[in-house]
Amino acid sequence: MYRLVFLSFVMASAFVIGSSSPVISAPTAMASEVVSYRCPEWKTRHEHDSKQAAQIVDTLKKLKCEVEKHEHNGHIDIKYRCPKWLEHQAKTHDDAHKLMDWLKALKFEVKHQH
């Protein structure tokens, strides 16, 4: 059920077509939308799609999270955490909310500042 809800969210969002992760780019000087996030405890996500798993791992690494990836028994475990509060500057308000929604789906604590 959770996976279905998450996949529905991904399909409805304006992410890169075929991606399950928000587009993360380098912050710009004009960015005014700040998303703060943390996930102090290790979480594990099970993925059966290697491309989707790679996108999640790549996005979490770009966000400076600790990430481990293990393949076994026909699926991929993505283990992650971010014990300290970090920030990402989004280009637009809409991008900030997309990132917040994606992080919340992965059980992160999030805050949004303008």
PDB file of N, CA and C in Angstrom:
ATOM      1  N   MET A   1       0.823  -1.187   0.000  1.00  0.00           N
ATOM      2  CA  MET A   1       0.000   0.000   0.000  1.00  0.00           C
ATOM      3  C   MET A   1       0.871   1.257   0.000  1.00  0.00           C
ATOM      4  N   TYR A   2       1.870   1.311   0.913  1.00  0.00           N
ATOM      5  CA  TYR A   2       2.759   2.466   1.000  1.00  0.00           C
ATOM      6  C   TYR A   2       3.451   2.698  -0.336  1.00  0.00           C
ATOM      7  N   ARG A   3       3.925   1.610  -0.940  1.00  0.00           N
ATOM      8  CA  ARG A   3       4.630   1.721  -2.216  1.00  0.00           C
ATOM      9  C   ARG A   3       3.705   2.295  -3.285  1.00  0.00           C
ATOM     10  N   LEU A   4       2.444   1.858  -3.292  1.00  0.00           N
ATOM     11  CA  LEU A   4       1.484   2.346  -4.273  1.00  0.00           C
ATOM     12  C   LEU A   4       1.225   3.837  -4.086  1.00  0.00           C
ATOM     13  N   VAL A   5       1.075   4.266  -2.845  1.00  0.00           N
ATOM     14  CA  VAL A   5       0.860   5.692  -2.568  1.00  0.00           C
ATOM     15  C   VAL A   5       2.080   6.497  -2.998  1.00  0.00           C
ATOM     16  N   PHE A   6       3.261   6.007  -2.656  1.00  0.00           N
ATOM     17  CA  PHE A   6       4.487   6.704  -3.030  1.00  0.00           C
ATOM     18  C   PHE A   6       4.630   6.798  -4.544  1.00  0.00           C
ATOM     19  N   LEU A   7       4.381   5.679  -5.237  1.00  0.00           N
ATOM     20  CA  LEU A   7       4.504   5.687  -6.694  1.00  0.00           C
ATOM     21  C   LEU A   7       3.461   6.619  -7.318  1.00  0.00           C
ATOM     22  N   SER A   8       2.268   6.679  -6.742  1.00  0.00           N
ATOM     23  CA  SER A   8       1.246   7.603  -7.254  1.00  0.00           C
ATOM     24  C   SER A   8       1.711   9.044  -7.106  1.00  0.00           C
ATOM     25  N   PHE A   9       2.332   9.345  -5.945  1.00  0.00           N
ATOM     26  CA  PHE A   9       2.867  10.684  -5.721  1.00  0.00           C
ATOM     27  C   PHE A   9       3.928  11.019  -6.756  1.00  0.00           C
ATOM     28  N   VAL A  10       4.810  10.071  -7.000  1.00  0.00           N
ATOM     29  CA  VAL A  10       5.905  10.298  -7.944  1.00  0.00           C
ATOM     30  C   VAL A  10       5.348  10.558  -9.332  1.00  0.00           C
ATOM     31  N   MET A  11       4.362   9.772  -9.732  1.00  0.00           N
ATOM     32  CA  MET A  11       3.801   9.934 -11.070  1.00  0.00           C
ATOM     33  C   MET A  11       3.086  11.274 -11.207  1.00  0.00           C
ATOM     34  N   ALA A  12       2.468  11.746 -10.124  1.00  0.00           N
ATOM     35  CA  ALA A  12       1.713  12.999 -10.185  1.00  0.00           C
ATOM     36  C   ALA A  12       2.602  14.227 -10.095  1.00  0.00           C
ATOM     37  N   SER A  13       3.804  14.052  -9.602  1.00  0.00           N
ATOM     38  CA  SER A  13       4.711  15.187  -9.436  1.00  0.00           C
ATOM     39  C   SER A  13       5.391  15.541 -10.741  1.00  0.00           C
ATOM     40  N   ALA A  14       5.911  16.730 -10.781  1.00  0.00           N
ATOM     41  CA  ALA A  14       6.582  17.193 -12.001  1.00  0.00           C
ATOM     42  C   ALA A  14       8.081  16.933 -11.913  1.00  0.00           C
ATOM     43  N   PHE A  15       8.444  15.746 -11.517  1.00  0.00           N
ATOM     44  CA  PHE A  15       9.847  15.363 -11.498  1.00  0.00           C
ATOM     45  C   PHE A  15      10.279  15.042 -12.917  1.00  0.00           C
ATOM     46  N   VAL A  16      11.527  14.743 -13.070  1.00  0.00           N
ATOM     47  CA  VAL A  16      12.050  14.328 -14.355  1.00  0.00           C
ATOM     48  C   VAL A  16      11.290  13.077 -14.769  1.00  0.00           C
ATOM     49  N   ILE A  17      10.851  13.001 -16.007  1.00  0.00           N
ATOM     50  CA  ILE A  17      10.073  11.864 -16.466  1.00  0.00           C
ATOM     51  C   ILE A  17      10.860  10.585 -16.229  1.00  0.00           C
ATOM     52  N   GLY A  18      10.204   9.613 -15.591  1.00  0.00           N
ATOM     53  CA  GLY A  18      10.831   8.333 -15.298  1.00  0.00           C
ATOM     54  C   GLY A  18      11.654   8.334 -14.026  1.00  0.00           C
ATOM     55  N   SER A  19      11.679   9.420 -13.310  1.00  0.00           N
ATOM     56  CA  SER A  19      12.484   9.509 -12.096  1.00  0.00           C
ATOM     57  C   SER A  19      11.597   9.420 -10.870  1.00  0.00           C
ATOM     58  N   SER A  20      12.142   8.847  -9.810  1.00  0.00           N
ATOM     59  CA  SER A  20      11.407   8.827  -8.553  1.00  0.00           C
ATOM     60  C   SER A  20      12.007   9.824  -7.585  1.00  0.00           C
ATOM     61  N   SER A  21      12.917  10.644  -8.046  1.00  0.00           N
ATOM     62  CA  SER A  21      13.596  11.593  -7.179  1.00  0.00           C
ATOM     63  C   SER A  21      13.421  13.006  -7.714  1.00  0.00           C
ATOM     64  N   PRO A  22      13.358  13.983  -6.820  1.00  0.00           N
ATOM     65  CA  PRO A  22      13.304  15.358  -7.293  1.00  0.00           C
ATOM     66  C   PRO A  22      14.626  15.730  -7.940  1.00  0.00           C
ATOM     67  N   VAL A  23      14.590  16.694  -8.810  1.00  0.00           N
ATOM     68  CA  VAL A  23      15.809  17.147  -9.458  1.00  0.00           C
ATOM     69  C   VAL A  23      16.574  18.010  -8.469  1.00  0.00           C
ATOM     70  N   ILE A  24      17.792  17.616  -8.153  1.00  0.00           N
ATOM     71  CA  ILE A  24      18.632  18.354  -7.218  1.00  0.00           C
ATOM     72  C   ILE A  24      19.765  18.974  -8.012  1.00  0.00           C
ATOM     73  N   SER A  25      19.837  20.284  -7.972  1.00  0.00           N
ATOM     74  CA  SER A  25      20.916  20.980  -8.667  1.00  0.00           C
ATOM     75  C   SER A  25      21.676  21.824  -7.663  1.00  0.00           C
ATOM     76  N   ALA A  26      22.789  22.324  -8.084  1.00  0.00           N
ATOM     77  CA  ALA A  26      23.584  23.174  -7.203  1.00  0.00           C
ATOM     78  C   ALA A  26      22.793  24.424  -6.862  1.00  0.00           C
ATOM     79  N   PRO A  27      22.861  24.890  -5.613  1.00  0.00           N
ATOM     80  CA  PRO A  27      22.125  26.094  -5.241  1.00  0.00           C
ATOM     81  C   PRO A  27      22.637  27.306  -6.003  1.00  0.00           C
ATOM     82  N   THR A  28      21.738  28.236  -6.237  1.00  0.00           N
ATOM     83  CA  THR A  28      22.119  29.453  -6.943  1.00  0.00           C
ATOM     84  C   THR A  28      22.046  30.628  -5.986  1.00  0.00           C
ATOM     85  N   ALA A  29      22.692  31.703  -6.343  1.00  0.00           N
ATOM     86  CA  ALA A  29      22.706  32.887  -5.492  1.00  0.00           C
ATOM     87  C   ALA A  29      21.307  33.479  -5.344  1.00  0.00           C
ATOM     88  N   MET A  30      20.432  33.248  -6.326  1.00  0.00           N
ATOM     89  CA  MET A  30      19.105  33.834  -6.287  1.00  0.00           C
ATOM     90  C   MET A  30      18.103  32.955  -5.543  1.00  0.00           C
ATOM     91  N   ALA A  31      18.490  31.767  -5.134  1.00  0.00           N
ATOM     92  CA  ALA A  31      17.562  30.873  -4.455  1.00  0.00           C
ATOM     93  C   ALA A  31      17.156  31.457  -3.112  1.00  0.00           C
ATOM     94  N   SER A  32      15.864  31.451  -2.848  1.00  0.00           N
ATOM     95  CA  SER A  32      15.376  31.977  -1.581  1.00  0.00           C
ATOM     96  C   SER A  32      14.543  30.947  -0.834  1.00  0.00           C
ATOM     97  N   GLU A  33      14.347  29.800  -1.405  1.00  0.00           N
ATOM     98  CA  GLU A  33      13.546  28.739  -0.804  1.00  0.00           C
ATOM     99  C   GLU A  33      14.487  27.718  -0.172  1.00  0.00           C
ATOM    100  N   VAL A  34      14.503  27.641   1.157  1.00  0.00           N
ATOM    101  CA  VAL A  34      15.412  26.758   1.864  1.00  0.00           C
ATOM    102  C   VAL A  34      14.620  25.618   2.496  1.00  0.00           C
ATOM    103  N   VAL A  35      15.051  24.393   2.205  1.00  0.00           N
ATOM    104  CA  VAL A  35      14.471  23.204   2.815  1.00  0.00           C
ATOM    105  C   VAL A  35      15.517  22.635   3.769  1.00  0.00           C
ATOM    106  N   SER A  36      15.168  22.532   5.044  1.00  0.00           N
ATOM    107  CA  SER A  36      16.034  21.916   6.044  1.00  0.00           C
ATOM    108  C   SER A  36      15.517  20.498   6.276  1.00  0.00           C
ATOM    109  N   TYR A  37      16.427  19.560   6.488  1.00  0.00           N
ATOM    110  CA  TYR A  37      16.015  18.161   6.613  1.00  0.00           C
ATOM    111  C   TYR A  37      16.997  17.387   7.477  1.00  0.00           C
ATOM    112  N   ARG A  38      16.476  16.335   8.097  1.00  0.00           N
ATOM    113  CA  ARG A  38      17.312  15.388   8.811  1.00  0.00           C
ATOM    114  C   ARG A  38      16.548  14.086   8.992  1.00  0.00           C
ATOM    115  N   CYS A  39      17.316  13.037   9.195  1.00  0.00           N
ATOM    116  CA  CYS A  39      16.777  11.707   9.461  1.00  0.00           C
ATOM    117  C   CYS A  39      17.788  11.053  10.399  1.00  0.00           C
ATOM    118  N   PRO A  40      17.665  11.297  11.707  1.00  0.00           N
ATOM    119  CA  PRO A  40      18.709  10.885  12.639  1.00  0.00           C
ATOM    120  C   PRO A  40      18.902   9.368  12.777  1.00  0.00           C
ATOM    121  N   GLU A  41      17.853   8.594  12.586  1.00  0.00           N
ATOM    122  CA  GLU A  41      17.951   7.134  12.709  1.00  0.00           C
ATOM    123  C   GLU A  41      18.073   6.502  11.328  1.00  0.00           C
ATOM    124  N   TRP A  42      18.812   5.403  11.253  1.00  0.00           N
ATOM    125  CA  TRP A  42      18.934   4.670   9.993  1.00  0.00           C
ATOM    126  C   TRP A  42      17.557   4.193   9.550  1.00  0.00           C
ATOM    127  N   LYS A  43      17.258   4.380   8.283  1.00  0.00           N
ATOM    128  CA  LYS A  43      16.035   3.877   7.648  1.00  0.00           C
ATOM    129  C   LYS A  43      16.452   2.972   6.500  1.00  0.00           C
ATOM    130  N   THR A  44      15.593   2.022   6.162  1.00  0.00           N
ATOM    131  CA  THR A  44      15.870   1.132   5.037  1.00  0.00           C
ATOM    132  C   THR A  44      14.684   1.123   4.097  1.00  0.00           C
ATOM    133  N   ARG A  45      14.978   1.232   2.829  1.00  0.00           N
ATOM    134  CA  ARG A  45      13.961   1.180   1.778  1.00  0.00           C
ATOM    135  C   ARG A  45      14.291  -0.001   0.876  1.00  0.00           C
ATOM    136  N   HIS A  46      13.295  -0.804   0.548  1.00  0.00           N
ATOM    137  CA  HIS A  46      13.470  -1.959  -0.326  1.00  0.00           C
ATOM    138  C   HIS A  46      13.004  -1.600  -1.732  1.00  0.00           C
ATOM    139  N   GLU A  47      13.850  -1.800  -2.707  1.00  0.00           N
ATOM    140  CA  GLU A  47      13.513  -1.512  -4.105  1.00  0.00           C
ATOM    141  C   GLU A  47      13.783  -2.739  -4.953  1.00  0.00           C
ATOM    142  N   HIS A  48      12.914  -2.974  -5.921  1.00  0.00           N
ATOM    143  CA  HIS A  48      13.117  -4.073  -6.866  1.00  0.00           C
ATOM    144  C   HIS A  48      13.597  -3.557  -8.220  1.00  0.00           C
ATOM    145  N   ASP A  49      13.457  -2.280  -8.456  1.00  0.00           N
ATOM    146  CA  ASP A  49      13.869  -1.649  -9.713  1.00  0.00           C
ATOM    147  C   ASP A  49      15.252  -1.027  -9.519  1.00  0.00           C
ATOM    148  N   SER A  50      16.256  -1.562 -10.198  1.00  0.00           N
ATOM    149  CA  SER A  50      17.631  -1.080  -9.995  1.00  0.00           C
ATOM    150  C   SER A  50      17.811   0.368 -10.443  1.00  0.00           C
ATOM    151  N   LYS A  51      17.108   0.782 -11.494  1.00  0.00           N
ATOM    152  CA  LYS A  51      17.223   2.165 -11.955  1.00  0.00           C
ATOM    153  C   LYS A  51      16.643   3.130 -10.917  1.00  0.00           C
ATOM    154  N   GLN A  52      15.488   2.787 -10.377  1.00  0.00           N
ATOM    155  CA  GLN A  52      14.867   3.629  -9.359  1.00  0.00           C
ATOM    156  C   GLN A  52      15.747   3.675  -8.109  1.00  0.00           C
ATOM    157  N   ALA A  53      16.306   2.527  -7.721  1.00  0.00           N
ATOM    158  CA  ALA A  53      17.196   2.487  -6.552  1.00  0.00           C
ATOM    159  C   ALA A  53      18.401   3.389  -6.766  1.00  0.00           C
ATOM    160  N   ALA A  54      18.979   3.349  -7.960  1.00  0.00           N
ATOM    161  CA  ALA A  54      20.143   4.186  -8.273  1.00  0.00           C
ATOM    162  C   ALA A  54      19.785   5.671  -8.185  1.00  0.00           C
ATOM    163  N   GLN A  55      18.601   6.051  -8.648  1.00  0.00           N
ATOM    164  CA  GLN A  55      18.171   7.453  -8.587  1.00  0.00           C
ATOM    165  C   GLN A  55      17.986   7.908  -7.146  1.00  0.00           C
ATOM    166  N   ILE A  56      17.422   7.041  -6.313  1.00  0.00           N
ATOM    167  CA  ILE A  56      17.230   7.388  -4.907  1.00  0.00           C
ATOM    168  C   ILE A  56      18.578   7.550  -4.226  1.00  0.00           C
ATOM    169  N   VAL A  57      19.488   6.602  -4.445  1.00  0.00           N
ATOM    170  CA  VAL A  57      20.827   6.665  -3.846  1.00  0.00           C
ATOM    171  C   VAL A  57      21.544   7.938  -4.305  1.00  0.00           C
ATOM    172  N   ASP A  58      21.486   8.231  -5.597  1.00  0.00           N
ATOM    173  CA  ASP A  58      22.153   9.416  -6.144  1.00  0.00           C
ATOM    174  C   ASP A  58      21.605  10.695  -5.519  1.00  0.00           C
ATOM    175  N   THR A  59      20.287  10.794  -5.401  1.00  0.00           N
ATOM    176  CA  THR A  59      19.671  11.992  -4.822  1.00  0.00           C
ATOM    177  C   THR A  59      20.055  12.139  -3.357  1.00  0.00           C
ATOM    178  N   LEU A  60      20.004  11.054  -2.598  1.00  0.00           N
ATOM    179  CA  LEU A  60      20.375  11.123  -1.181  1.00  0.00           C
ATOM    180  C   LEU A  60      21.840  11.528  -1.017  1.00  0.00           C
ATOM    181  N   LYS A  61      22.702  11.042  -1.880  1.00  0.00           N
ATOM    182  CA  LYS A  61      24.117  11.433  -1.811  1.00  0.00           C
ATOM    183  C   LYS A  61      24.291  12.913  -2.151  1.00  0.00           C
ATOM    184  N   LYS A  62      23.560  13.400  -3.137  1.00  0.00           N
ATOM    185  CA  LYS A  62      23.633  14.819  -3.485  1.00  0.00           C
ATOM    186  C   LYS A  62      23.165  15.696  -2.334  1.00  0.00           C
ATOM    187  N   LEU A  63      22.262  15.157  -1.524  1.00  0.00           N
ATOM    188  CA  LEU A  63      21.774  15.881  -0.359  1.00  0.00           C
ATOM    189  C   LEU A  63      22.688  15.683   0.852  1.00  0.00           C
ATOM    190  N   LYS A  64      23.829  15.038   0.642  1.00  0.00           N
ATOM    191  CA  LYS A  64      24.863  14.829   1.677  1.00  0.00           C
ATOM    192  C   LYS A  64      24.424  13.881   2.795  1.00  0.00           C
ATOM    193  N   CYS A  65      23.546  12.928   2.482  1.00  0.00           N
ATOM    194  CA  CYS A  65      23.120  11.924   3.451  1.00  0.00           C
ATOM    195  C   CYS A  65      24.087  10.742   3.414  1.00  0.00           C
ATOM    196  N   GLU A  66      24.135  10.001   4.502  1.00  0.00           N
ATOM    197  CA  GLU A  66      24.891   8.753   4.533  1.00  0.00           C
ATOM    198  C   GLU A  66      24.017   7.699   3.857  1.00  0.00           C
ATOM    199  N   VAL A  67      24.584   6.961   2.909  1.00  0.00           N
ATOM    200  CA  VAL A  67      23.798   6.002   2.140  1.00  0.00           C
ATOM    201  C   VAL A  67      24.599   4.715   1.956  1.00  0.00           C
ATOM    202  N   GLU A  68      23.913   3.591   2.142  1.00  0.00           N
ATOM    203  CA  GLU A  68      24.480   2.278   1.853  1.00  0.00           C
ATOM    204  C   GLU A  68      23.496   1.545   0.946  1.00  0.00           C
ATOM    205  N   LYS A  69      24.037   0.793   0.007  1.00  0.00           N
ATOM    206  CA  LYS A  69      23.193   0.039  -0.926  1.00  0.00           C
ATOM    207  C   LYS A  69      23.652  -1.412  -0.918  1.00  0.00           C
ATOM    208  N   HIS A  70      22.704  -2.328  -0.712  1.00  0.00           N
ATOM    209  CA  HIS A  70      23.014  -3.755  -0.676  1.00  0.00           C
ATOM    210  C   HIS A  70      21.998  -4.500  -1.527  1.00  0.00           C
ATOM    211  N   GLU A  71      22.489  -5.375  -2.399  1.00  0.00           N
ATOM    212  CA  GLU A  71      21.610  -6.183  -3.238  1.00  0.00           C
ATOM    213  C   GLU A  71      21.619  -7.611  -2.734  1.00  0.00           C
ATOM    214  N   HIS A  72      20.412  -8.173  -2.540  1.00  0.00           N
ATOM    215  CA  HIS A  72      20.296  -9.568  -2.131  1.00  0.00           C
ATOM    216  C   HIS A  72      18.857 -10.042  -2.298  1.00  0.00           C
ATOM    217  N   ASN A  73      18.695 -11.340  -2.456  1.00  0.00           N
ATOM    218  CA  ASN A  73      17.372 -11.979  -2.546  1.00  0.00           C
ATOM    219  C   ASN A  73      16.430 -11.296  -3.549  1.00  0.00           C
ATOM    220  N   GLY A  74      16.970 -10.826  -4.657  1.00  0.00           N
ATOM    221  CA  GLY A  74      16.147 -10.247  -5.708  1.00  0.00           C
ATOM    222  C   GLY A  74      15.676  -8.820  -5.480  1.00  0.00           C
ATOM    223  N   HIS A  75      16.224  -8.144  -4.488  1.00  0.00           N
ATOM    224  CA  HIS A  75      15.859  -6.745  -4.295  1.00  0.00           C
ATOM    225  C   HIS A  75      17.073  -5.971  -3.793  1.00  0.00           C
ATOM    226  N   ILE A  76      16.900  -4.661  -3.707  1.00  0.00           N
ATOM    227  CA  ILE A  76      17.978  -3.762  -3.283  1.00  0.00           C
ATOM    228  C   ILE A  76      17.536  -3.070  -2.004  1.00  0.00           C
ATOM    229  N   ASP A  77      18.372  -3.138  -0.984  1.00  0.00           N
ATOM    230  CA  ASP A  77      18.135  -2.398   0.248  1.00  0.00           C
ATOM    231  C   ASP A  77      18.919  -1.097   0.187  1.00  0.00           C
ATOM    232  N   ILE A  78      18.240   0.003   0.407  1.00  0.00           N
ATOM    233  CA  ILE A  78      18.891   1.308   0.489  1.00  0.00           C
ATOM    234  C   ILE A  78      18.767   1.743   1.953  1.00  0.00           C
ATOM    235  N   LYS A  79      19.899   1.833   2.611  1.00  0.00           N
ATOM    236  CA  LYS A  79      19.939   2.233   4.014  1.00  0.00           C
ATOM    237  C   LYS A  79      20.491   3.654   4.056  1.00  0.00           C
ATOM    238  N   TYR A  80      19.831   4.537   4.788  1.00  0.00           N
ATOM    239  CA  TYR A  80      20.228   5.948   4.779  1.00  0.00           C
ATOM    240  C   TYR A  80      19.935   6.611   6.118  1.00  0.00           C
ATOM    241  N   ARG A  81      20.657   7.687   6.353  1.00  0.00           N
ATOM    242  CA  ARG A  81      20.391   8.572   7.486  1.00  0.00           C
ATOM    243  C   ARG A  81      21.077   9.905   7.229  1.00  0.00           C
ATOM    244  N   CYS A  82      20.658  10.889   7.981  1.00  0.00           N
ATOM    245  CA  CYS A  82      21.230  12.231   7.929  1.00  0.00           C
ATOM    246  C   CYS A  82      21.074  12.783   9.337  1.00  0.00           C
ATOM    247  N   PRO A  83      22.018  12.485  10.239  1.00  0.00           N
ATOM    248  CA  PRO A  83      21.829  12.800  11.657  1.00  0.00           C
ATOM    249  C   PRO A  83      21.787  14.294  11.992  1.00  0.00           C
ATOM    250  N   LYS A  84      22.440  15.116  11.216  1.00  0.00           N
ATOM    251  CA  LYS A  84      22.446  16.559  11.486  1.00  0.00           C
ATOM    252  C   LYS A  84      21.511  17.270  10.515  1.00  0.00           C
ATOM    253  N   TRP A  85      20.961  18.394  10.965  1.00  0.00           N
ATOM    254  CA  TRP A  85      20.133  19.203  10.073  1.00  0.00           C
ATOM    255  C   TRP A  85      21.005  19.736   8.943  1.00  0.00           C
ATOM    256  N   LEU A  86      20.552  19.540   7.721  1.00  0.00           N
ATOM    257  CA  LEU A  86      21.209  20.090   6.532  1.00  0.00           C
ATOM    258  C   LEU A  86      20.194  20.941   5.788  1.00  0.00           C
ATOM    259  N   GLU A  87      20.687  21.734   4.838  1.00  0.00           N
ATOM    260  CA  GLU A  87      19.810  22.614   4.064  1.00  0.00           C
ATOM    261  C   GLU A  87      20.067  22.463   2.573  1.00  0.00           C
ATOM    262  N   HIS A  88      19.000  22.649   1.819  1.00  0.00           N
ATOM    263  CA  HIS A  88      19.093  22.697   0.359  1.00  0.00           C
ATOM    264  C   HIS A  88      18.310  23.915  -0.108  1.00  0.00           C
ATOM    265  N   GLN A  89      18.915  24.710  -0.967  1.00  0.00           N
ATOM    266  CA  GLN A  89      18.236  25.869  -1.533  1.00  0.00           C
ATOM    267  C   GLN A  89      17.591  25.467  -2.849  1.00  0.00           C
ATOM    268  N   ALA A  90      16.270  25.521  -2.872  1.00  0.00           N
ATOM    269  CA  ALA A  90      15.526  25.196  -4.093  1.00  0.00           C
ATOM    270  C   ALA A  90      15.375  26.455  -4.937  1.00  0.00           C
ATOM    271  N   LYS A  91      15.206  26.258  -6.223  1.00  0.00           N
ATOM    272  CA  LYS A  91      15.077  27.396  -7.135  1.00  0.00           C
ATOM    273  C   LYS A  91      13.716  28.078  -7.017  1.00  0.00           C
ATOM    274  N   THR A  92      12.670  27.280  -6.750  1.00  0.00           N
ATOM    275  CA  THR A  92      11.320  27.846  -6.673  1.00  0.00           C
ATOM    276  C   THR A  92      10.597  27.288  -5.448  1.00  0.00           C
ATOM    277  N   HIS A  93       9.514  27.932  -5.098  1.00  0.00           N
ATOM    278  CA  HIS A  93       8.671  27.471  -3.998  1.00  0.00           C
ATOM    279  C   HIS A  93       8.125  26.077  -4.300  1.00  0.00           C
ATOM    280  N   ASP A  94       7.718  25.869  -5.533  1.00  0.00           N
ATOM    281  CA  ASP A  94       7.176  24.577  -5.964  1.00  0.00           C
ATOM    282  C   ASP A  94       8.238  23.472  -5.832  1.00  0.00           C
ATOM    283  N   ASP A  95       9.462  23.762  -6.253  1.00  0.00           N
ATOM    284  CA  ASP A  95      10.557  22.787  -6.125  1.00  0.00           C
ATOM    285  C   ASP A  95      10.819  22.452  -4.658  1.00  0.00           C
ATOM    286  N   ALA A  96      10.735  23.452  -3.797  1.00  0.00           N
ATOM    287  CA  ALA A  96      10.954  23.226  -2.366  1.00  0.00           C
ATOM    288  C   ALA A  96       9.903  22.267  -1.823  1.00  0.00           C
ATOM    289  N   HIS A  97       8.656  22.448  -2.223  1.00  0.00           N
ATOM    290  CA  HIS A  97       7.598  21.567  -1.730  1.00  0.00           C
ATOM    291  C   HIS A  97       7.705  20.163  -2.319  1.00  0.00           C
ATOM    292  N   LYS A  98       8.157  20.039  -3.546  1.00  0.00           N
ATOM    293  CA  LYS A  98       8.367  18.707  -4.129  1.00  0.00           C
ATOM    294  C   LYS A  98       9.448  17.966  -3.359  1.00  0.00           C
ATOM    295  N   LEU A  99      10.528  18.662  -3.045  1.00  0.00           N
ATOM    296  CA  LEU A  99      11.610  18.041  -2.281  1.00  0.00           C
ATOM    297  C   LEU A  99      11.114  17.666  -0.886  1.00  0.00           C
ATOM    298  N   MET A 100      10.383  18.554  -0.247  1.00  0.00           N
ATOM    299  CA  MET A 100       9.847  18.262   1.085  1.00  0.00           C
ATOM    300  C   MET A 100       8.958  17.022   1.055  1.00  0.00           C
ATOM    301  N   ASP A 101       8.082  16.928   0.088  1.00  0.00           N
ATOM    302  CA  ASP A 101       7.196  15.768  -0.020  1.00  0.00           C
ATOM    303  C   ASP A 101       7.984  14.481  -0.229  1.00  0.00           C
ATOM    304  N   TRP A 102       9.012  14.541  -1.066  1.00  0.00           N
ATOM    305  CA  TRP A 102       9.842  13.367  -1.341  1.00  0.00           C
ATOM    306  C   TRP A 102      10.572  12.936  -0.069  1.00  0.00           C
ATOM    307  N   LEU A 103      11.147  13.899   0.649  1.00  0.00           N
ATOM    308  CA  LEU A 103      11.857  13.576   1.884  1.00  0.00           C
ATOM    309  C   LEU A 103      10.906  13.041   2.951  1.00  0.00           C
ATOM    310  N   LYS A 104       9.730  13.611   3.062  1.00  0.00           N
ATOM    311  CA  LYS A 104       8.745  13.118   4.030  1.00  0.00           C
ATOM    312  C   LYS A 104       8.362  11.672   3.731  1.00  0.00           C
ATOM    313  N   ALA A 105       8.228  11.338   2.456  1.00  0.00           N
ATOM    314  CA  ALA A 105       7.901   9.961   2.070  1.00  0.00           C
ATOM    315  C   ALA A 105       9.000   8.987   2.504  1.00  0.00           C
ATOM    316  N   LEU A 106      10.225   9.494   2.640  1.00  0.00           N
ATOM    317  CA  LEU A 106      11.347   8.673   3.105  1.00  0.00           C
ATOM    318  C   LEU A 106      11.546   8.805   4.615  1.00  0.00           C
ATOM    319  N   LYS A 107      10.573   9.409   5.297  1.00  0.00           N
ATOM    320  CA  LYS A 107      10.563   9.534   6.767  1.00  0.00           C
ATOM    321  C   LYS A 107      11.575  10.524   7.322  1.00  0.00           C
ATOM    322  N   PHE A 108      11.913  11.564   6.551  1.00  0.00           N
ATOM    323  CA  PHE A 108      12.772  12.648   7.020  1.00  0.00           C
ATOM    324  C   PHE A 108      11.925  13.662   7.787  1.00  0.00           C
ATOM    325  N   GLU A 109      12.553  14.371   8.712  1.00  0.00           N
ATOM    326  CA  GLU A 109      11.956  15.568   9.303  1.00  0.00           C
ATOM    327  C   GLU A 109      12.321  16.701   8.356  1.00  0.00           C
ATOM    328  N   VAL A 110      11.369  17.578   8.063  1.00  0.00           N
ATOM    329  CA  VAL A 110      11.649  18.674   7.139  1.00  0.00           C
ATOM    330  C   VAL A 110      11.095  19.988   7.673  1.00  0.00           C
ATOM    331  N   LYS A 111      11.762  21.071   7.277  1.00  0.00           N
ATOM    332  CA  LYS A 111      11.318  22.432   7.556  1.00  0.00           C
ATOM    333  C   LYS A 111      11.499  23.228   6.286  1.00  0.00           C
ATOM    334  N   HIS A 112      10.682  24.257   6.114  1.00  0.00           N
ATOM    335  CA  HIS A 112      10.777  25.082   4.909  1.00  0.00           C
ATOM    336  C   HIS A 112      10.820  26.543   5.314  1.00  0.00           C
ATOM    337  N   GLN A 113      11.813  27.265   4.781  1.00  0.00           N
ATOM    338  CA  GLN A 113      11.952  28.685   5.050  1.00  0.00           C
ATOM    339  C   GLN A 113      11.965  29.453   3.743  1.00  0.00           C
ATOM    340  N   HIS A 114      11.498  30.683   3.804  1.00  0.00           N
ATOM    341  CA  HIS A 114      11.524  31.556   2.617  1.00  0.00           C
ATOM    342  C   HIS A 114      12.612  32.577   2.791  1.00  0.00           C
TER     343      HIS A 114
END
